[in-house]
Protein backbone atom coordinates (compact mmCIF):
# COMPACT_ATOMS: atom_id res chain seq x y z
CA MET A 1 -102.96 6.75 -83.09
CA ASP A 2 -106.35 7.28 -81.96
CA TYR A 3 -106.97 6.76 -77.61
CA SER A 4 -110.31 5.48 -75.55
CA ILE A 5 -110.77 8.00 -72.75
CA GLY A 6 -109.51 5.37 -70.38
CA GLU A 7 -106.33 4.49 -72.60
CA PHE A 8 -106.16 8.52 -73.05
CA SER A 9 -106.32 8.95 -69.15
CA LYS A 10 -103.65 6.39 -67.98
CA LEU A 11 -101.57 7.75 -70.94
CA ILE A 12 -101.35 11.11 -69.72
CA GLY A 13 -102.06 10.85 -65.88
CA ILE A 14 -105.72 12.40 -65.74
CA SER A 15 -108.75 10.90 -64.48
CA SER A 16 -111.72 10.16 -67.22
CA PHE A 17 -113.81 12.61 -64.98
CA THR A 18 -111.38 15.44 -65.34
CA LEU A 19 -111.02 14.82 -68.94
CA ARG A 20 -114.87 15.11 -69.15
CA TYR A 21 -114.94 18.31 -67.44
CA TYR A 22 -112.51 19.92 -69.52
CA GLU A 23 -114.61 18.94 -72.41
CA LYS A 24 -117.81 20.38 -70.35
CA GLU A 25 -115.48 23.79 -69.78
CA GLU A 26 -114.53 23.62 -73.49
CA LEU A 27 -110.90 23.45 -72.66
CA ILE A 28 -110.53 20.24 -74.58
CA ALA A 29 -112.65 19.20 -77.94
CA PRO A 30 -112.12 15.29 -78.70
CA GLN A 31 -113.37 13.68 -81.79
CA HIS A 32 -116.42 11.45 -80.93
CA LYS A 33 -117.32 7.95 -83.47
CA LYS A 34 -120.20 7.26 -84.73
CA ASN A 35 -121.52 5.29 -81.57
CA GLY A 36 -120.41 8.69 -79.59
CA ARG A 37 -117.18 7.48 -77.92
CA ARG A 38 -114.67 10.03 -76.92
CA VAL A 39 -111.51 9.68 -79.12
CA TYR A 40 -108.11 11.19 -78.29
CA SER A 41 -105.62 11.81 -80.46
CA GLU A 42 -101.43 12.63 -80.76
CA ASP A 43 -102.51 16.54 -80.93
CA ASP A 44 -104.60 16.18 -77.86
CA ILE A 45 -101.81 15.06 -75.60
CA SER A 46 -99.50 17.60 -76.64
CA TRP A 47 -102.70 20.13 -75.79
CA ILE A 48 -103.41 18.57 -72.85
CA GLU A 49 -99.44 18.62 -71.49
CA PHE A 50 -99.95 22.47 -72.14
CA ILE A 51 -103.17 22.99 -70.22
CA LYS A 52 -101.69 21.21 -67.40
CA ARG A 53 -98.78 23.40 -67.49
CA LEU A 54 -100.63 26.44 -67.62
CA LYS A 55 -102.43 25.29 -64.47
CA ASP A 56 -98.84 23.94 -62.77
CA THR A 57 -97.90 27.73 -63.51
CA GLY A 58 -100.85 29.30 -61.70
CA MET A 59 -103.45 30.64 -64.74
CA PRO A 60 -106.70 30.35 -63.82
CA ILE A 61 -109.29 27.99 -65.42
CA LYS A 62 -110.89 31.18 -66.68
CA GLU A 63 -107.86 32.31 -68.56
CA ILE A 64 -107.24 28.80 -69.95
CA LYS A 65 -110.60 28.34 -71.06
CA LYS A 66 -110.10 31.65 -73.00
CA TYR A 67 -107.13 30.55 -74.72
CA ALA A 68 -108.40 27.23 -75.89
CA LYS A 69 -111.72 29.35 -77.36
CA LEU A 70 -108.87 31.54 -79.35
CA ARG A 71 -106.88 28.35 -80.28
CA ALA A 72 -110.20 26.87 -81.61
CA MET A 73 -110.61 29.66 -83.67
CA GLY A 74 -107.06 29.57 -85.52
CA LYS A 75 -104.33 30.97 -86.67
CA THR A 76 -106.45 34.69 -87.03
CA THR A 77 -106.21 34.39 -82.99
CA MET A 78 -102.30 34.00 -82.89
CA ASN A 79 -101.29 37.52 -81.87
CA GLU A 80 -103.95 37.41 -78.70
CA ARG A 81 -102.67 33.98 -77.72
CA MET A 82 -99.03 35.09 -77.88
CA GLU A 83 -100.21 38.18 -75.55
CA MET A 84 -101.89 36.09 -72.87
CA LEU A 85 -98.65 34.08 -72.71
CA ILE A 86 -96.71 37.39 -72.56
CA LYS A 87 -98.97 38.70 -69.51
CA HIS A 88 -98.86 34.71 -67.85
CA ARG A 89 -94.73 34.85 -67.88
CA LEU A 90 -94.58 38.26 -66.71
CA ALA A 91 -96.89 37.47 -63.63
CA LEU A 92 -94.63 34.10 -63.41
CA LYS A 93 -91.55 36.42 -63.14
CA GLU A 94 -92.79 37.94 -60.49
CA GLU A 95 -94.24 35.33 -58.43
CA ILE A 96 -90.46 33.42 -58.81
CA GLU A 97 -89.33 36.91 -57.49
CA LYS A 98 -91.30 36.77 -54.80
CA LEU A 99 -90.63 32.95 -53.83
CA GLN A 100 -86.89 33.63 -54.24
CA GLU A 101 -86.94 36.28 -52.02
CA HIS A 102 -89.25 34.41 -49.45
CA LEU A 103 -86.37 31.77 -49.83
CA MET A 104 -83.49 33.73 -49.25
CA LYS A 105 -85.42 35.21 -45.75
CA LEU A 106 -85.82 31.43 -44.97
CA ASP A 107 -82.06 30.74 -45.53
CA GLY A 108 -81.15 33.72 -43.62
CA LYS A 109 -83.16 32.53 -40.69
CA ILE A 110 -81.51 29.28 -40.64
CA ASP A 111 -77.79 30.17 -40.83
CA PHE A 112 -78.49 32.53 -37.87
CA TYR A 113 -80.18 29.04 -35.79
CA LYS A 114 -77.22 27.58 -37.23
CA ARG A 115 -74.78 29.97 -35.29
CA GLU A 116 -76.33 30.61 -32.38
CA ILE A 117 -76.70 26.69 -32.21
CA ASP A 118 -72.77 26.50 -32.91
CA LYS A 119 -72.30 28.98 -30.08
CA GLU A 120 -73.95 27.04 -27.49
CA LYS A 121 -72.31 24.08 -28.40
CA ASN A 122 -69.22 25.89 -27.91
CA ASN A 123 -69.52 27.32 -24.65
């Protein structure tokens, strides 16, 4: 099924402005009808969802752009794309570990306050 930019925007929850920006930055390459209007496909949905995931996990637009260019080049770039994702996964795991440490420290501080408050109530 093909979607207009407005339909596609609503479907995936990204503004038409953002879709045009992604196209300008060569992150996406929708088909164009003879009249010049953009047409998005089912394949574009999964690709946009993947771009959103990369962004949400902290991959810089510059890296996503590089990945998109490699993707457009086809299967010959699969190794390079995989390496990019492995590198990103490692950075993401490191960030998760840092966040878990911060959470543990906050939990410790909250527990301290609970104990101190309970002591005050019992006195």
